[in-house]
N, C-alpha and C. Protein backbone atom coordinates (compact mmCIF):
# COMPACT_ATOMS: atom_id res chain seq x y z
N MET A 1 -1.87 -5.15 28.32
CA MET A 1 -1.34 -4.77 27.02
C MET A 1 0.09 -4.28 27.20
N ARG A 2 0.94 -4.68 26.31
CA ARG A 2 2.35 -4.36 26.33
C ARG A 2 2.60 -2.94 25.83
N ASP A 3 3.56 -2.25 26.42
CA ASP A 3 3.95 -0.92 25.95
C ASP A 3 4.88 -1.10 24.76
N LEU A 4 4.39 -0.82 23.56
CA LEU A 4 5.16 -1.07 22.35
C LEU A 4 6.33 -0.12 22.17
N CYS A 5 6.30 1.01 22.84
CA CYS A 5 7.37 2.00 22.67
C CYS A 5 8.64 1.58 23.39
N SER A 6 8.52 0.88 24.51
CA SER A 6 9.70 0.58 25.31
C SER A 6 10.17 -0.86 25.20
N THR A 7 9.38 -1.74 24.61
CA THR A 7 9.74 -3.15 24.53
C THR A 7 9.92 -3.55 23.08
N PRO A 8 11.03 -4.23 22.74
CA PRO A 8 11.21 -4.64 21.35
C PRO A 8 10.17 -5.66 20.91
N ILE A 9 9.86 -5.65 19.64
CA ILE A 9 8.91 -6.60 19.07
C ILE A 9 9.61 -7.93 18.87
N THR A 10 8.95 -9.00 19.23
CA THR A 10 9.51 -10.35 19.07
C THR A 10 8.72 -11.12 18.03
N ASP A 11 9.21 -12.30 17.66
CA ASP A 11 8.49 -13.15 16.72
C ASP A 11 7.12 -13.52 17.25
N ALA A 12 6.99 -13.66 18.56
CA ALA A 12 5.69 -14.00 19.15
C ALA A 12 4.66 -12.90 18.89
N ASP A 13 5.10 -11.65 18.86
CA ASP A 13 4.18 -10.54 18.58
C ASP A 13 3.59 -10.65 17.19
N TYR A 14 4.37 -11.08 16.22
CA TYR A 14 3.87 -11.18 14.85
C TYR A 14 2.83 -12.28 14.72
N SER A 15 2.95 -13.33 15.51
CA SER A 15 1.98 -14.42 15.40
C SER A 15 0.62 -14.02 15.94
N GLN A 16 0.53 -12.93 16.72
CA GLN A 16 -0.73 -12.49 17.29
C GLN A 16 -1.45 -11.49 16.40
N LYS A 17 -0.83 -11.01 15.35
CA LYS A 17 -1.45 -10.02 14.47
C LYS A 17 -2.43 -10.72 13.52
N PRO A 18 -3.41 -9.98 13.00
CA PRO A 18 -4.34 -10.57 12.04
C PRO A 18 -3.58 -11.12 10.84
N THR A 19 -4.09 -12.20 10.26
CA THR A 19 -3.37 -12.87 9.18
C THR A 19 -3.88 -12.48 7.80
N ARG A 20 -4.92 -11.66 7.70
CA ARG A 20 -5.49 -11.36 6.39
C ARG A 20 -4.43 -10.84 5.42
N PHE A 21 -3.68 -9.82 5.81
CA PHE A 21 -2.67 -9.30 4.90
C PHE A 21 -1.49 -10.24 4.81
N LYS A 22 -1.10 -10.83 5.91
CA LYS A 22 0.06 -11.71 5.91
C LYS A 22 -0.10 -12.82 4.87
N GLN A 23 -1.28 -13.46 4.84
CA GLN A 23 -1.51 -14.52 3.87
C GLN A 23 -1.48 -13.98 2.44
N TRP A 24 -2.11 -12.82 2.22
CA TRP A 24 -2.11 -12.23 0.89
C TRP A 24 -0.70 -11.83 0.50
N GLN A 25 0.05 -11.24 1.44
CA GLN A 25 1.41 -10.79 1.15
C GLN A 25 2.30 -11.95 0.76
N ILE A 26 2.16 -13.06 1.44
CA ILE A 26 2.99 -14.22 1.12
C ILE A 26 2.66 -14.71 -0.28
N ARG A 27 1.37 -14.82 -0.58
CA ARG A 27 0.95 -15.32 -1.90
C ARG A 27 1.41 -14.37 -3.00
N GLU A 28 1.12 -13.07 -2.88
CA GLU A 28 1.50 -12.12 -3.91
C GLU A 28 2.99 -11.82 -3.88
N GLY A 29 3.57 -11.82 -2.68
CA GLY A 29 4.99 -11.55 -2.56
C GLY A 29 5.83 -12.59 -3.29
N ASN A 30 5.40 -13.83 -3.22
CA ASN A 30 6.12 -14.87 -3.95
C ASN A 30 6.08 -14.61 -5.45
N ARG A 31 4.96 -14.15 -5.93
CA ARG A 31 4.83 -13.83 -7.35
C ARG A 31 5.78 -12.69 -7.72
N MET A 32 5.88 -11.69 -6.86
CA MET A 32 6.79 -10.58 -7.13
C MET A 32 8.24 -11.06 -7.07
N ASP A 33 8.55 -11.89 -6.10
CA ASP A 33 9.91 -12.42 -5.99
C ASP A 33 10.30 -13.22 -7.23
N LYS A 34 9.38 -14.00 -7.74
CA LYS A 34 9.68 -14.86 -8.89
C LYS A 34 9.78 -14.09 -10.20
N TYR A 35 8.86 -13.14 -10.42
CA TYR A 35 8.73 -12.51 -11.73
C TYR A 35 9.03 -11.02 -11.76
N GLY A 36 9.09 -10.39 -10.60
CA GLY A 36 9.33 -8.95 -10.53
C GLY A 36 8.03 -8.18 -10.44
N ALA A 37 8.13 -6.94 -10.02
CA ALA A 37 6.95 -6.09 -9.82
C ALA A 37 6.24 -5.76 -11.13
N SER A 38 6.95 -5.85 -12.24
CA SER A 38 6.34 -5.46 -13.52
C SER A 38 5.18 -6.36 -13.93
N VAL A 39 5.07 -7.56 -13.36
CA VAL A 39 3.97 -8.46 -13.73
C VAL A 39 2.72 -8.23 -12.89
N LEU A 40 2.85 -7.45 -11.81
CA LEU A 40 1.70 -7.21 -10.94
C LEU A 40 0.76 -6.17 -11.54
N THR A 41 -0.51 -6.29 -11.22
CA THR A 41 -1.49 -5.30 -11.67
C THR A 41 -1.34 -4.03 -10.83
N ASN A 42 -1.96 -2.96 -11.29
CA ASN A 42 -1.94 -1.71 -10.51
C ASN A 42 -2.54 -1.93 -9.12
N THR A 43 -3.61 -2.72 -9.06
CA THR A 43 -4.25 -3.00 -7.78
C THR A 43 -3.29 -3.75 -6.86
N GLU A 44 -2.59 -4.72 -7.38
CA GLU A 44 -1.65 -5.49 -6.56
C GLU A 44 -0.50 -4.62 -6.05
N ILE A 45 0.00 -3.74 -6.89
CA ILE A 45 1.09 -2.86 -6.46
C ILE A 45 0.60 -1.91 -5.37
N LEU A 46 -0.58 -1.32 -5.57
CA LEU A 46 -1.15 -0.45 -4.54
C LEU A 46 -1.39 -1.22 -3.25
N ALA A 47 -1.86 -2.45 -3.37
CA ALA A 47 -2.12 -3.27 -2.20
C ALA A 47 -0.84 -3.56 -1.42
N HIS A 48 0.27 -3.76 -2.12
CA HIS A 48 1.56 -3.93 -1.45
C HIS A 48 1.91 -2.67 -0.68
N LEU A 49 1.70 -1.54 -1.29
CA LEU A 49 2.03 -0.27 -0.67
C LEU A 49 1.16 -0.01 0.57
N LEU A 50 -0.12 -0.32 0.45
CA LEU A 50 -1.08 -0.02 1.51
C LEU A 50 -1.27 -1.16 2.50
N ARG A 51 -0.87 -2.35 2.10
CA ARG A 51 -1.11 -3.57 2.89
C ARG A 51 -2.60 -3.83 3.06
N ASP A 52 -3.36 -3.50 2.03
CA ASP A 52 -4.80 -3.68 2.07
C ASP A 52 -5.33 -3.76 0.64
N HIS A 53 -5.69 -4.96 0.22
CA HIS A 53 -6.13 -5.18 -1.15
C HIS A 53 -7.47 -4.50 -1.42
N LYS A 54 -8.38 -4.56 -0.46
CA LYS A 54 -9.70 -3.94 -0.64
C LYS A 54 -9.58 -2.42 -0.82
N ALA A 55 -8.73 -1.78 -0.02
CA ALA A 55 -8.54 -0.33 -0.14
C ALA A 55 -7.93 0.01 -1.50
N ALA A 56 -7.02 -0.83 -1.98
CA ALA A 56 -6.42 -0.60 -3.30
C ALA A 56 -7.48 -0.67 -4.40
N GLU A 57 -8.36 -1.66 -4.30
CA GLU A 57 -9.44 -1.78 -5.28
C GLU A 57 -10.35 -0.55 -5.23
N GLU A 58 -10.70 -0.13 -4.02
CA GLU A 58 -11.58 1.03 -3.84
C GLU A 58 -10.95 2.29 -4.43
N LEU A 59 -9.65 2.48 -4.23
CA LEU A 59 -8.96 3.65 -4.77
C LEU A 59 -9.06 3.70 -6.29
N LEU A 60 -8.72 2.59 -6.92
CA LEU A 60 -8.74 2.57 -8.39
C LEU A 60 -10.16 2.71 -8.92
N PHE A 61 -11.13 2.14 -8.22
CA PHE A 61 -12.52 2.30 -8.65
C PHE A 61 -12.95 3.76 -8.50
N SER A 62 -12.60 4.37 -7.37
CA SER A 62 -13.02 5.75 -7.10
C SER A 62 -12.39 6.77 -8.03
N PHE A 63 -11.11 6.58 -8.35
CA PHE A 63 -10.40 7.58 -9.15
C PHE A 63 -10.30 7.19 -10.63
N GLY A 64 -10.61 5.96 -10.95
CA GLY A 64 -10.69 5.54 -12.34
C GLY A 64 -9.39 5.10 -12.97
N ASN A 65 -8.30 5.80 -12.67
CA ASN A 65 -7.01 5.44 -13.27
C ASN A 65 -5.88 6.03 -12.43
N LEU A 66 -4.66 5.64 -12.75
CA LEU A 66 -3.51 6.10 -11.98
C LEU A 66 -3.25 7.60 -12.13
N LYS A 67 -3.55 8.15 -13.29
CA LYS A 67 -3.34 9.59 -13.48
C LYS A 67 -4.20 10.38 -12.51
N ASN A 68 -5.48 10.05 -12.44
CA ASN A 68 -6.38 10.74 -11.51
C ASN A 68 -5.95 10.50 -10.06
N LEU A 69 -5.55 9.28 -9.77
CA LEU A 69 -5.10 8.95 -8.41
C LEU A 69 -3.86 9.75 -8.04
N SER A 70 -2.95 9.90 -8.99
CA SER A 70 -1.70 10.63 -8.71
C SER A 70 -1.94 12.12 -8.48
N GLU A 71 -3.04 12.65 -8.98
CA GLU A 71 -3.35 14.07 -8.84
C GLU A 71 -4.27 14.37 -7.65
N ALA A 72 -4.70 13.33 -6.95
CA ALA A 72 -5.64 13.50 -5.83
C ALA A 72 -4.96 14.16 -4.64
N THR A 73 -5.72 14.98 -3.93
CA THR A 73 -5.23 15.61 -2.71
C THR A 73 -5.35 14.63 -1.55
N LEU A 74 -4.70 14.97 -0.44
CA LEU A 74 -4.82 14.14 0.76
C LEU A 74 -6.28 13.99 1.18
N THR A 75 -7.01 15.08 1.13
CA THR A 75 -8.42 15.06 1.52
C THR A 75 -9.24 14.15 0.60
N GLU A 76 -9.00 14.25 -0.70
CA GLU A 76 -9.72 13.40 -1.66
C GLU A 76 -9.40 11.94 -1.43
N LEU A 77 -8.14 11.63 -1.19
CA LEU A 77 -7.74 10.23 -0.96
C LEU A 77 -8.43 9.68 0.28
N GLN A 78 -8.55 10.50 1.31
CA GLN A 78 -9.12 10.03 2.57
C GLN A 78 -10.63 9.82 2.51
N THR A 79 -11.27 10.21 1.42
CA THR A 79 -12.70 9.94 1.28
C THR A 79 -12.96 8.48 0.92
N VAL A 80 -11.93 7.76 0.54
CA VAL A 80 -12.06 6.36 0.16
C VAL A 80 -11.96 5.50 1.42
N ALA A 81 -12.86 4.53 1.53
CA ALA A 81 -12.87 3.63 2.69
C ALA A 81 -11.52 2.93 2.82
N GLY A 82 -10.99 2.92 4.03
CA GLY A 82 -9.72 2.24 4.29
C GLY A 82 -8.49 3.11 4.10
N ILE A 83 -8.70 4.36 3.68
CA ILE A 83 -7.56 5.26 3.46
C ILE A 83 -7.60 6.36 4.51
N GLY A 84 -6.67 6.29 5.43
CA GLY A 84 -6.52 7.33 6.44
C GLY A 84 -5.40 8.27 6.04
N GLU A 85 -5.01 9.09 6.98
CA GLU A 85 -3.97 10.08 6.71
C GLU A 85 -2.64 9.42 6.31
N ALA A 86 -2.25 8.38 7.04
CA ALA A 86 -0.96 7.73 6.76
C ALA A 86 -0.94 7.10 5.37
N ASN A 87 -2.00 6.39 5.00
CA ASN A 87 -2.05 5.78 3.67
C ASN A 87 -2.13 6.83 2.57
N ALA A 88 -2.86 7.90 2.81
CA ALA A 88 -2.94 8.98 1.81
C ALA A 88 -1.56 9.59 1.58
N GLU A 89 -0.83 9.81 2.66
CA GLU A 89 0.53 10.35 2.53
C GLU A 89 1.45 9.35 1.83
N ARG A 90 1.29 8.08 2.12
CA ARG A 90 2.11 7.04 1.49
C ARG A 90 1.87 7.02 -0.02
N ILE A 91 0.62 7.15 -0.42
CA ILE A 91 0.27 7.16 -1.86
C ILE A 91 0.89 8.38 -2.53
N GLN A 92 0.73 9.55 -1.93
CA GLN A 92 1.30 10.76 -2.53
C GLN A 92 2.82 10.67 -2.60
N ALA A 93 3.45 10.12 -1.59
CA ALA A 93 4.91 9.98 -1.60
C ALA A 93 5.37 9.05 -2.73
N ALA A 94 4.64 7.97 -2.95
CA ALA A 94 5.00 7.03 -4.02
C ALA A 94 4.90 7.70 -5.39
N PHE A 95 3.84 8.46 -5.61
CA PHE A 95 3.71 9.16 -6.88
C PHE A 95 4.76 10.25 -7.04
N GLU A 96 5.12 10.90 -5.96
CA GLU A 96 6.17 11.93 -6.02
C GLU A 96 7.51 11.31 -6.39
N LEU A 97 7.80 10.13 -5.86
CA LEU A 97 9.04 9.44 -6.25
C LEU A 97 9.03 9.15 -7.75
N GLY A 98 7.89 8.73 -8.26
CA GLY A 98 7.77 8.48 -9.70
C GLY A 98 8.01 9.74 -10.53
N ARG A 99 7.44 10.85 -10.06
CA ARG A 99 7.64 12.12 -10.78
C ARG A 99 9.12 12.53 -10.75
N ARG A 100 9.76 12.36 -9.61
CA ARG A 100 11.17 12.74 -9.50
C ARG A 100 12.04 11.84 -10.36
N ARG A 101 11.69 10.58 -10.49
CA ARG A 101 12.44 9.66 -11.34
C ARG A 101 12.39 10.11 -12.79
N GLU A 102 11.26 10.65 -13.21
CA GLU A 102 11.09 11.11 -14.57
C GLU A 102 12.05 12.24 -14.92
N GLN A 103 12.52 12.97 -13.94
CA GLN A 103 13.47 14.06 -14.18
C GLN A 103 14.80 13.56 -14.73
N PHE A 104 15.09 12.29 -14.50
CA PHE A 104 16.39 11.73 -14.91
C PHE A 104 16.33 10.96 -16.22
N ARG A 105 15.23 11.00 -16.89
CA ARG A 105 15.11 10.28 -18.17
C ARG A 105 15.64 11.11 -19.30
């Protein structure tokens, strides 16, 4: 196994990674490129953020709506399958950016 900290990542490294998200990202990414993020569903936007469509679906099912999701604690977020500490922090950071944007309206 290669030491990832000391060796730069090459194109060959990307070809060895699982393709599940890569295929989804290409398909959905093209839609975002063509029409913009505003046409994507909440699940699709969360899936882009998390790089996991199933986890995005589970989050919205578990919390019911974006308001409840935005108010969830790190611990609550991590109770959902596929959501670890990094993804929970990523979700909270995204909602915090949205809240800060509202200050300028």
